[in-house]
Structures are given as structure tokens and as C-alpha cells.
Amino acid sequence: MKNSLLFEFDKCILSNDIWPNFINKFGFSKAKLAVRQALDLQRMQGTSCTLPVLILDTCGTALVNSQVVKTHIGFSSVHQGMLLVYSHKLNAIQLLLDT
């Protein structure tokens, strides 16, 4: 997908802190709602070749090609309920699995 070029994932660091920091800043309920919206976008407009992205800086959502995960994170499979958390401000990404 062309939009994945806008994210510049190749310049991002892998982080385990951006999601917990988001929860601490906005609360668990709002964080969970943001995840639901990203996963809903995947269900409504995604395919087996896309992965939802939660953009923390704007609380927006997007879809990117799931190959991004393999290329930039090294994780070779994408499962239902999986999403990528992205922060442009921190230049970081984190992979989450909603359970």
C-alpha cells in the first residue's frame, strides 16, 4: 500500500514503552477504544494482506501492508487482533495483539 511509505517505518525504533505510556496518559478505557477502532477498520476495509495501525499522536487509524511487520519488525506472521502502534513524535513502533 502506498500509505505505508508515509510512516517511514524503516526509521522507527522498536519500543515496548509507547503503549503503556499511552494508557498512562489517556486511561485504559480510551486506549482500549482506540484499539477497537483500529481493529474495526481492519474488519471493514482490510484484507488478509493488511495490518491496522493505531497512530498514537493523533489517535488515528490506518491500514498498511502486513509485509511491513516482516520487513521492519522481523515477525513473519500476522494474526487476527494484531495491530501496529505507531508514534511519529517518538519515531517508534510497537506490535500488539489484542486478546
PDB file of N, CA and C in Angstrom:
ATOM      1  N   MET A   1       0.841  -1.177   0.000  1.00  0.00           N
ATOM      2  CA  MET A   1       0.000   0.000   0.000  1.00  0.00           C
ATOM      3  C   MET A   1       0.888   1.242   0.000  1.00  0.00           C
ATOM      4  N   LYS A   2       0.485   2.242  -0.718  1.00  0.00           N
ATOM      5  CA  LYS A   2       1.279   3.449  -0.828  1.00  0.00           C
ATOM      6  C   LYS A   2       1.406   4.187   0.500  1.00  0.00           C
ATOM      7  N   ASN A   3       0.376   4.150   1.329  1.00  0.00           N
ATOM      8  CA  ASN A   3       0.388   4.906   2.578  1.00  0.00           C
ATOM      9  C   ASN A   3       1.485   4.486   3.528  1.00  0.00           C
ATOM     10  N   SER A   4       1.952   3.246   3.440  1.00  0.00           N
ATOM     11  CA  SER A   4       2.997   2.806   4.359  1.00  0.00           C
ATOM     12  C   SER A   4       4.286   3.581   4.151  1.00  0.00           C
ATOM     13  N   LEU A   5       4.456   4.187   2.973  1.00  0.00           N
ATOM     14  CA  LEU A   5       5.630   4.997   2.728  1.00  0.00           C
ATOM     15  C   LEU A   5       5.611   6.269   3.557  1.00  0.00           C
ATOM     16  N   LEU A   6       4.433   6.740   3.929  1.00  0.00           N
ATOM     17  CA  LEU A   6       4.306   7.953   4.719  1.00  0.00           C
ATOM     18  C   LEU A   6       4.758   7.751   6.162  1.00  0.00           C
ATOM     19  N   PHE A   7       4.746   6.534   6.623  1.00  0.00           N
ATOM     20  CA  PHE A   7       5.093   6.261   8.010  1.00  0.00           C
ATOM     21  C   PHE A   7       6.583   6.184   8.264  1.00  0.00           C
ATOM     22  N   GLU A   8       7.376   5.879   7.256  1.00  0.00           N
ATOM     23  CA  GLU A   8       8.827   5.741   7.402  1.00  0.00           C
ATOM     24  C   GLU A   8       9.187   4.776   8.532  1.00  0.00           C
ATOM     25  N   PHE A   9       8.594   3.578   8.482  1.00  0.00           N
ATOM     26  CA  PHE A   9       8.850   2.574   9.498  1.00  0.00           C
ATOM     27  C   PHE A   9      10.320   2.193   9.578  1.00  0.00           C
ATOM     28  N   ASP A  10      11.041   2.316   8.469  1.00  0.00           N
ATOM     29  CA  ASP A  10      12.456   1.948   8.460  1.00  0.00           C
ATOM     30  C   ASP A  10      13.293   2.855   9.349  1.00  0.00           C
ATOM     31  N   LYS A  11      12.781   4.032   9.694  1.00  0.00           N
ATOM     32  CA  LYS A  11      13.499   4.955  10.575  1.00  0.00           C
ATOM     33  C   LYS A  11      13.042   4.841  12.026  1.00  0.00           C
ATOM     34  N   CYS A  12      12.035   4.017  12.284  1.00  0.00           N
ATOM     35  CA  CYS A  12      11.490   3.870  13.633  1.00  0.00           C
ATOM     36  C   CYS A  12      12.276   2.865  14.455  1.00  0.00           C
ATOM     37  N   ILE A  13      12.266   3.092  15.746  1.00  0.00           N
ATOM     38  CA  ILE A  13      12.829   2.112  16.666  1.00  0.00           C
ATOM     39  C   ILE A  13      11.700   1.218  17.165  1.00  0.00           C
ATOM     40  N   LEU A  14      12.032   0.013  17.538  1.00  0.00           N
ATOM     41  CA  LEU A  14      11.060  -0.876  18.170  1.00  0.00           C
ATOM     42  C   LEU A  14      10.991  -0.509  19.639  1.00  0.00           C
ATOM     43  N   SER A  15       9.785  -0.427  20.163  1.00  0.00           N
ATOM     44  CA  SER A  15       9.607   0.006  21.545  1.00  0.00           C
ATOM     45  C   SER A  15       8.615  -0.902  22.257  1.00  0.00           C
ATOM     46  N   ASN A  16       8.826  -1.065  23.528  1.00  0.00           N
ATOM     47  CA  ASN A  16       7.847  -1.738  24.381  1.00  0.00           C
ATOM     48  C   ASN A  16       7.195  -0.749  25.335  1.00  0.00           C
ATOM     49  N   ASP A  17       7.482   0.535  25.144  1.00  0.00           N
ATOM     50  CA  ASP A  17       7.020   1.556  26.083  1.00  0.00           C
ATOM     51  C   ASP A  17       5.907   2.446  25.562  1.00  0.00           C
ATOM     52  N   ILE A  18       5.711   2.531  24.250  1.00  0.00           N
ATOM     53  CA  ILE A  18       4.748   3.525  23.765  1.00  0.00           C
ATOM     54  C   ILE A  18       3.306   3.170  24.129  1.00  0.00           C
ATOM     55  N   TRP A  19       2.962   1.908  24.132  1.00  0.00           N
ATOM     56  CA  TRP A  19       1.604   1.513  24.507  1.00  0.00           C
ATOM     57  C   TRP A  19       1.334   1.749  26.002  1.00  0.00           C
ATOM     58  N   PRO A  20       2.194   1.301  26.907  1.00  0.00           N
ATOM     59  CA  PRO A  20       1.947   1.592  28.331  1.00  0.00           C
ATOM     60  C   PRO A  20       1.898   3.093  28.629  1.00  0.00           C
ATOM     61  N   ASN A  21       2.732   3.869  27.946  1.00  0.00           N
ATOM     62  CA  ASN A  21       2.711   5.322  28.150  1.00  0.00           C
ATOM     63  C   ASN A  21       1.400   5.927  27.671  1.00  0.00           C
ATOM     64  N   PHE A  22       0.860   5.399  26.579  1.00  0.00           N
ATOM     65  CA  PHE A  22      -0.430   5.855  26.064  1.00  0.00           C
ATOM     66  C   PHE A  22      -1.538   5.564  27.072  1.00  0.00           C
ATOM     67  N   ILE A  23      -1.510   4.373  27.642  1.00  0.00           N
ATOM     68  CA  ILE A  23      -2.500   4.004  28.658  1.00  0.00           C
ATOM     69  C   ILE A  23      -2.384   4.917  29.881  1.00  0.00           C
ATOM     70  N   ASN A  24      -1.177   5.176  30.321  1.00  0.00           N
ATOM     71  CA  ASN A  24      -0.975   6.048  31.489  1.00  0.00           C
ATOM     72  C   ASN A  24      -1.467   7.463  31.227  1.00  0.00           C
ATOM     73  N   LYS A  25      -1.314   7.929  29.991  1.00  0.00           N
ATOM     74  CA  LYS A  25      -1.699   9.297  29.661  1.00  0.00           C
ATOM     75  C   LYS A  25      -3.208   9.450  29.493  1.00  0.00           C
ATOM     76  N   PHE A  26      -3.877   8.486  28.822  1.00  0.00           N
ATOM     77  CA  PHE A  26      -5.287   8.633  28.483  1.00  0.00           C
ATOM     78  C   PHE A  26      -6.226   7.693  29.230  1.00  0.00           C
ATOM     79  N   GLY A  27      -5.678   6.716  29.917  1.00  0.00           N
ATOM     80  CA  GLY A  27      -6.515   5.767  30.639  1.00  0.00           C
ATOM     81  C   GLY A  27      -6.800   4.531  29.814  1.00  0.00           C
ATOM     82  N   PHE A  28      -7.089   3.444  30.527  1.00  0.00           N
ATOM     83  CA  PHE A  28      -7.287   2.158  29.874  1.00  0.00           C
ATOM     84  C   PHE A  28      -8.515   2.146  28.962  1.00  0.00           C
ATOM     85  N   SER A  29      -9.607   2.768  29.389  1.00  0.00           N
ATOM     86  CA  SER A  29     -10.840   2.757  28.593  1.00  0.00           C
ATOM     87  C   SER A  29     -10.656   3.430  27.236  1.00  0.00           C
ATOM     88  N   LYS A  30     -10.034   4.594  27.224  1.00  0.00           N
ATOM     89  CA  LYS A  30      -9.803   5.294  25.956  1.00  0.00           C
ATOM     90  C   LYS A  30      -8.787   4.555  25.092  1.00  0.00           C
ATOM     91  N   ALA A  31      -7.783   3.972  25.710  1.00  0.00           N
ATOM     92  CA  ALA A  31      -6.790   3.208  24.950  1.00  0.00           C
ATOM     93  C   ALA A  31      -7.441   1.992  24.306  1.00  0.00           C
ATOM     94  N   LYS A  32      -8.286   1.305  25.049  1.00  0.00           N
ATOM     95  CA  LYS A  32      -8.995   0.132  24.529  1.00  0.00           C
ATOM     96  C   LYS A  32      -9.928   0.528  23.384  1.00  0.00           C
ATOM     97  N   LEU A  33     -10.589   1.672  23.497  1.00  0.00           N
ATOM     98  CA  LEU A  33     -11.452   2.164  22.431  1.00  0.00           C
ATOM     99  C   LEU A  33     -10.643   2.450  21.159  1.00  0.00           C
ATOM    100  N   ALA A  34      -9.474   3.025  21.319  1.00  0.00           N
ATOM    101  CA  ALA A  34      -8.620   3.312  20.166  1.00  0.00           C
ATOM    102  C   ALA A  34      -8.217   2.012  19.462  1.00  0.00           C
ATOM    103  N   VAL A  35      -7.908   0.979  20.229  1.00  0.00           N
ATOM    104  CA  VAL A  35      -7.573  -0.325  19.646  1.00  0.00           C
ATOM    105  C   VAL A  35      -8.777  -0.882  18.909  1.00  0.00           C
ATOM    106  N   ARG A  36      -9.955  -0.802  19.504  1.00  0.00           N
ATOM    107  CA  ARG A  36     -11.188  -1.292  18.867  1.00  0.00           C
ATOM    108  C   ARG A  36     -11.411  -0.616  17.524  1.00  0.00           C
ATOM    109  N   GLN A  37     -11.191   0.701  17.467  1.00  0.00           N
ATOM    110  CA  GLN A  37     -11.395   1.439  16.222  1.00  0.00           C
ATOM    111  C   GLN A  37     -10.412   0.975  15.143  1.00  0.00           C
ATOM    112  N   ALA A  38      -9.172   0.738  15.519  1.00  0.00           N
ATOM    113  CA  ALA A  38      -8.192   0.254  14.546  1.00  0.00           C
ATOM    114  C   ALA A  38      -8.569  -1.136  14.047  1.00  0.00           C
ATOM    115  N   LEU A  39      -8.986  -2.005  14.938  1.00  0.00           N
ATOM    116  CA  LEU A  39      -9.375  -3.357  14.537  1.00  0.00           C
ATOM    117  C   LEU A  39     -10.672  -3.353  13.731  1.00  0.00           C
ATOM    118  N   ASP A  40     -11.584  -2.421  14.030  1.00  0.00           N
ATOM    119  CA  ASP A  40     -12.805  -2.283  13.239  1.00  0.00           C
ATOM    120  C   ASP A  40     -12.479  -1.851  11.810  1.00  0.00           C
ATOM    121  N   LEU A  41     -11.530  -0.950  11.660  1.00  0.00           N
ATOM    122  CA  LEU A  41     -11.105  -0.537  10.323  1.00  0.00           C
ATOM    123  C   LEU A  41     -10.585  -1.734   9.535  1.00  0.00           C
ATOM    124  N   GLN A  42      -9.814  -2.586  10.187  1.00  0.00           N
ATOM    125  CA  GLN A  42      -9.301  -3.795   9.527  1.00  0.00           C
ATOM    126  C   GLN A  42     -10.463  -4.698   9.105  1.00  0.00           C
ATOM    127  N   ARG A  43     -11.420  -4.882   9.991  1.00  0.00           N
ATOM    128  CA  ARG A  43     -12.568  -5.745   9.666  1.00  0.00           C
ATOM    129  C   ARG A  43     -13.404  -5.177   8.523  1.00  0.00           C
ATOM    130  N   MET A  44     -13.566  -3.857   8.477  1.00  0.00           N
ATOM    131  CA  MET A  44     -14.434  -3.244   7.478  1.00  0.00           C
ATOM    132  C   MET A  44     -13.753  -3.050   6.123  1.00  0.00           C
ATOM    133  N   GLN A  45     -12.478  -2.666   6.127  1.00  0.00           N
ATOM    134  CA  GLN A  45     -11.834  -2.307   4.870  1.00  0.00           C
ATOM    135  C   GLN A  45     -10.543  -3.057   4.601  1.00  0.00           C
ATOM    136  N   GLY A  46     -10.080  -3.830   5.556  1.00  0.00           N
ATOM    137  CA  GLY A  46      -8.816  -4.531   5.396  1.00  0.00           C
ATOM    138  C   GLY A  46      -8.947  -5.831   4.634  1.00  0.00           C
ATOM    139  N   THR A  47      -7.805  -6.422   4.379  1.00  0.00           N
ATOM    140  CA  THR A  47      -7.731  -7.729   3.730  1.00  0.00           C
ATOM    141  C   THR A  47      -6.754  -8.584   4.523  1.00  0.00           C
ATOM    142  N   SER A  48      -6.520  -9.789   4.043  1.00  0.00           N
ATOM    143  CA  SER A  48      -5.543 -10.646   4.712  1.00  0.00           C
ATOM    144  C   SER A  48      -4.117 -10.120   4.521  1.00  0.00           C
ATOM    145  N   CYS A  49      -3.947  -9.142   3.659  1.00  0.00           N
ATOM    146  CA  CYS A  49      -2.628  -8.550   3.397  1.00  0.00           C
ATOM    147  C   CYS A  49      -2.436  -7.204   4.077  1.00  0.00           C
ATOM    148  N   THR A  50      -3.372  -6.819   4.942  1.00  0.00           N
ATOM    149  CA  THR A  50      -3.230  -5.533   5.623  1.00  0.00           C
ATOM    150  C   THR A  50      -3.162  -5.719   7.126  1.00  0.00           C
ATOM    151  N   LEU A  51      -2.631  -4.718   7.765  1.00  0.00           N
ATOM    152  CA  LEU A  51      -2.492  -4.685   9.217  1.00  0.00           C
ATOM    153  C   LEU A  51      -2.960  -3.307   9.689  1.00  0.00           C
ATOM    154  N   PRO A  52      -3.809  -3.245  10.720  1.00  0.00           N
ATOM    155  CA  PRO A  52      -4.232  -1.936  11.206  1.00  0.00           C
ATOM    156  C   PRO A  52      -3.113  -1.259  11.995  1.00  0.00           C
ATOM    157  N   VAL A  53      -3.080   0.061  11.879  1.00  0.00           N
ATOM    158  CA  VAL A  53      -2.098   0.869  12.594  1.00  0.00           C
ATOM    159  C   VAL A  53      -2.859   1.866  13.455  1.00  0.00           C
ATOM    160  N   LEU A  54      -2.491   1.938  14.712  1.00  0.00           N
ATOM    161  CA  LEU A  54      -3.019   2.944  15.618  1.00  0.00           C
ATOM    162  C   LEU A  54      -1.960   4.028  15.722  1.00  0.00           C
ATOM    163  N   ILE A  55      -2.302   5.219  15.278  1.00  0.00           N
ATOM    164  CA  ILE A  55      -1.368   6.342  15.281  1.00  0.00           C
ATOM    165  C   ILE A  55      -1.572   7.110  16.579  1.00  0.00           C
ATOM    166  N   LEU A  56      -0.649   6.950  17.512  1.00  0.00           N
ATOM    167  CA  LEU A  56      -0.849   7.492  18.851  1.00  0.00           C
ATOM    168  C   LEU A  56      -0.870   9.008  18.897  1.00  0.00           C
ATOM    169  N   ASP A  57      -0.117   9.662  18.042  1.00  0.00           N
ATOM    170  CA  ASP A  57      -0.020  11.118  18.101  1.00  0.00           C
ATOM    171  C   ASP A  57      -1.349  11.803  17.796  1.00  0.00           C
ATOM    172  N   THR A  58      -2.175  11.161  16.969  1.00  0.00           N
ATOM    173  CA  THR A  58      -3.448  11.749  16.577  1.00  0.00           C
ATOM    174  C   THR A  58      -4.638  10.881  16.973  1.00  0.00           C
ATOM    175  N   CYS A  59      -4.366   9.697  17.501  1.00  0.00           N
ATOM    176  CA  CYS A  59      -5.392   8.693  17.798  1.00  0.00           C
ATOM    177  C   CYS A  59      -6.121   8.283  16.521  1.00  0.00           C
ATOM    178  N   GLY A  60      -5.431   8.392  15.407  1.00  0.00           N
ATOM    179  CA  GLY A  60      -5.993   7.983  14.129  1.00  0.00           C
ATOM    180  C   GLY A  60      -5.682   6.532  13.842  1.00  0.00           C
ATOM    181  N   THR A  61      -6.248   6.039  12.760  1.00  0.00           N
ATOM    182  CA  THR A  61      -6.005   4.670  12.338  1.00  0.00           C
ATOM    183  C   THR A  61      -5.688   4.648  10.856  1.00  0.00           C
ATOM    184  N   ALA A  62      -5.022   3.588  10.440  1.00  0.00           N
ATOM    185  CA  ALA A  62      -4.685   3.391   9.036  1.00  0.00           C
ATOM    186  C   ALA A  62      -4.491   1.903   8.806  1.00  0.00           C
ATOM    187  N   LEU A  63      -4.379   1.542   7.557  1.00  0.00           N
ATOM    188  CA  LEU A  63      -4.044   0.172   7.185  1.00  0.00           C
ATOM    189  C   LEU A  63      -2.755   0.195   6.389  1.00  0.00           C
ATOM    190  N   VAL A  64      -1.870  -0.740   6.679  1.00  0.00           N
ATOM    191  CA  VAL A  64      -0.637  -0.880   5.915  1.00  0.00           C
ATOM    192  C   VAL A  64      -0.501  -2.332   5.476  1.00  0.00           C
ATOM    193  N   ASN A  65       0.323  -2.540   4.508  1.00  0.00           N
ATOM    194  CA  ASN A  65       0.589  -3.890   4.045  1.00  0.00           C
ATOM    195  C   ASN A  65       1.241  -4.676   5.178  1.00  0.00           C
ATOM    196  N   SER A  66       0.780  -5.893   5.400  1.00  0.00           N
ATOM    197  CA  SER A  66       1.316  -6.704   6.502  1.00  0.00           C
ATOM    198  C   SER A  66       2.777  -7.073   6.301  1.00  0.00           C
ATOM    199  N   GLN A  67       3.297  -6.908   5.103  1.00  0.00           N
ATOM    200  CA  GLN A  67       4.714  -7.153   4.841  1.00  0.00           C
ATOM    201  C   GLN A  67       5.585  -6.197   5.664  1.00  0.00           C
ATOM    202  N   VAL A  68       5.013  -5.073   6.070  1.00  0.00           N
ATOM    203  CA  VAL A  68       5.728  -4.106   6.910  1.00  0.00           C
ATOM    204  C   VAL A  68       6.218  -4.769   8.185  1.00  0.00           C
ATOM    205  N   VAL A  69       5.384  -5.607   8.762  1.00  0.00           N
ATOM    206  CA  VAL A  69       5.756  -6.281  10.009  1.00  0.00           C
ATOM    207  C   VAL A  69       6.976  -7.161   9.798  1.00  0.00           C
ATOM    208  N   LYS A  70       6.975  -7.909   8.735  1.00  0.00           N
ATOM    209  CA  LYS A  70       8.109  -8.784   8.456  1.00  0.00           C
ATOM    210  C   LYS A  70       9.361  -7.979   8.136  1.00  0.00           C
ATOM    211  N   THR A  71       9.218  -6.949   7.347  1.00  0.00           N
ATOM    212  CA  THR A  71      10.363  -6.149   6.926  1.00  0.00           C
ATOM    213  C   THR A  71      10.984  -5.361   8.074  1.00  0.00           C
ATOM    214  N   HIS A  72      10.155  -4.725   8.890  1.00  0.00           N
ATOM    215  CA  HIS A  72      10.682  -3.797   9.892  1.00  0.00           C
ATOM    216  C   HIS A  72      10.715  -4.334  11.313  1.00  0.00           C
ATOM    217  N   ILE A  73       9.998  -5.405  11.566  1.00  0.00           N
ATOM    218  CA  ILE A  73       9.999  -5.981  12.906  1.00  0.00           C
ATOM    219  C   ILE A  73      10.608  -7.377  12.901  1.00  0.00           C
ATOM    220  N   GLY A  74      10.511  -8.063  11.775  1.00  0.00           N
ATOM    221  CA  GLY A  74      11.070  -9.404  11.680  1.00  0.00           C
ATOM    222  C   GLY A  74      10.104 -10.495  12.069  1.00  0.00           C
ATOM    223  N   PHE A  75       8.871 -10.130  12.333  1.00  0.00           N
ATOM    224  CA  PHE A  75       7.839 -11.090  12.722  1.00  0.00           C
ATOM    225  C   PHE A  75       7.153 -11.547  11.444  1.00  0.00           C
ATOM    226  N   SER A  76       7.170 -12.829  11.173  1.00  0.00           N
ATOM    227  CA  SER A  76       6.757 -13.293   9.858  1.00  0.00           C
ATOM    228  C   SER A  76       5.275 -13.608   9.708  1.00  0.00           C
ATOM    229  N   SER A  77       4.516 -13.621  10.774  1.00  0.00           N
ATOM    230  CA  SER A  77       3.089 -13.923  10.608  1.00  0.00           C
ATOM    231  C   SER A  77       2.244 -12.862  11.297  1.00  0.00           C
ATOM    232  N   VAL A  78       1.092 -12.624  10.720  1.00  0.00           N
ATOM    233  CA  VAL A  78       0.151 -11.649  11.258  1.00  0.00           C
ATOM    234  C   VAL A  78      -1.119 -12.399  11.627  1.00  0.00           C
ATOM    235  N   HIS A  79      -1.611 -12.168  12.822  1.00  0.00           N
ATOM    236  CA  HIS A  79      -2.792 -12.858  13.324  1.00  0.00           C
ATOM    237  C   HIS A  79      -3.950 -11.883  13.487  1.00  0.00           C
ATOM    238  N   GLN A  80      -5.147 -12.412  13.519  1.00  0.00           N
ATOM    239  CA  GLN A  80      -6.314 -11.592  13.784  1.00  0.00           C
ATOM    240  C   GLN A  80      -6.155 -10.959  15.166  1.00  0.00           C
ATOM    241  N   GLY A  81      -6.486  -9.687  15.269  1.00  0.00           N
ATOM    242  CA  GLY A  81      -6.349  -8.977  16.530  1.00  0.00           C
ATOM    243  C   GLY A  81      -4.995  -8.316  16.711  1.00  0.00           C
ATOM    244  N   MET A  82      -4.135  -8.451  15.720  1.00  0.00           N
ATOM    245  CA  MET A  82      -2.806  -7.852  15.794  1.00  0.00           C
ATOM    246  C   MET A  82      -2.858  -6.459  15.171  1.00  0.00           C
ATOM    247  N   LEU A  83      -2.166  -5.532  15.783  1.00  0.00           N
ATOM    248  CA  LEU A  83      -2.070  -4.198  15.229  1.00  0.00           C
ATOM    249  C   LEU A  83      -0.720  -3.589  15.546  1.00  0.00           C
ATOM    250  N   LEU A  84      -0.381  -2.601  14.765  1.00  0.00           N
ATOM    251  CA  LEU A  84       0.876  -1.892  14.930  1.00  0.00           C
ATOM    252  C   LEU A  84       0.571  -0.552  15.572  1.00  0.00           C
ATOM    253  N   VAL A  85       1.266  -0.233  16.636  1.00  0.00           N
ATOM    254  CA  VAL A  85       1.112   1.056  17.303  1.00  0.00           C
ATOM    255  C   VAL A  85       2.278   1.917  16.842  1.00  0.00           C
ATOM    256  N   TYR A  86       1.960   3.112  16.378  1.00  0.00           N
ATOM    257  CA  TYR A  86       2.963   3.990  15.766  1.00  0.00           C
ATOM    258  C   TYR A  86       2.939   5.359  16.417  1.00  0.00           C
ATOM    259  N   SER A  87       4.122   5.890  16.711  1.00  0.00           N
ATOM    260  CA  SER A  87       4.240   7.254  17.205  1.00  0.00           C
ATOM    261  C   SER A  87       5.263   7.996  16.362  1.00  0.00           C
ATOM    262  N   HIS A  88       4.779   8.977  15.605  1.00  0.00           N
ATOM    263  CA  HIS A  88       5.678   9.810  14.803  1.00  0.00           C
ATOM    264  C   HIS A  88       6.555  10.657  15.722  1.00  0.00           C
ATOM    265  N   LYS A  89       5.963  11.160  16.779  1.00  0.00           N
ATOM    266  CA  LYS A  89       6.680  12.024  17.727  1.00  0.00           C
ATOM    267  C   LYS A  89       7.872  11.296  18.351  1.00  0.00           C
ATOM    268  N   LEU A  90       7.668  10.035  18.726  1.00  0.00           N
ATOM    269  CA  LEU A  90       8.737   9.236  19.332  1.00  0.00           C
ATOM    270  C   LEU A  90       9.544   8.475  18.295  1.00  0.00           C
ATOM    271  N   ASN A  91       9.053   8.485  17.045  1.00  0.00           N
ATOM    272  CA  ASN A  91       9.699   7.744  15.968  1.00  0.00           C
ATOM    273  C   ASN A  91       9.840   6.278  16.367  1.00  0.00           C
ATOM    274  N   ALA A  92       8.723   5.702  16.837  1.00  0.00           N
ATOM    275  CA  ALA A  92       8.751   4.340  17.385  1.00  0.00           C
ATOM    276  C   ALA A  92       7.509   3.560  16.965  1.00  0.00           C
ATOM    277  N   ILE A  93       7.658   2.236  16.937  1.00  0.00           N
ATOM    278  CA  ILE A  93       6.550   1.333  16.649  1.00  0.00           C
ATOM    279  C   ILE A  93       6.554   0.205  17.673  1.00  0.00           C
ATOM    280  N   GLN A  94       5.360  -0.333  17.886  1.00  0.00           N
ATOM    281  CA  GLN A  94       5.210  -1.465  18.783  1.00  0.00           C
ATOM    282  C   GLN A  94       4.115  -2.361  18.231  1.00  0.00           C
ATOM    283  N   LEU A  95       4.336  -3.639  18.235  1.00  0.00           N
ATOM    284  CA  LEU A  95       3.347  -4.600  17.758  1.00  0.00           C
ATOM    285  C   LEU A  95       2.527  -5.089  18.945  1.00  0.00           C
ATOM    286  N   LEU A  96       1.206  -5.061  18.795  1.00  0.00           N
ATOM    287  CA  LEU A  96       0.303  -5.516  19.860  1.00  0.00           C
ATOM    288  C   LEU A  96      -0.606  -6.613  19.344  1.00  0.00           C
ATOM    289  N   LEU A  97      -1.009  -7.468  20.249  1.00  0.00           N
ATOM    290  CA  LEU A  97      -2.013  -8.482  19.955  1.00  0.00           C
ATOM    291  C   LEU A  97      -3.139  -8.292  20.950  1.00  0.00           C
ATOM    292  N   ASP A  98      -4.302  -7.875  20.455  1.00  0.00           N
ATOM    293  CA  ASP A  98      -5.458  -7.669  21.307  1.00  0.00           C
ATOM    294  C   ASP A  98      -6.054  -9.028  21.670  1.00  0.00           C
ATOM    295  N   THR A  99      -6.210  -9.280  22.944  1.00  0.00           N
ATOM    296  CA  THR A  99      -6.763 -10.561  23.386  1.00  0.00           C
ATOM    297  C   THR A  99      -8.086 -10.385  24.056  1.00  0.00           C
TER     298      THR A  99
END
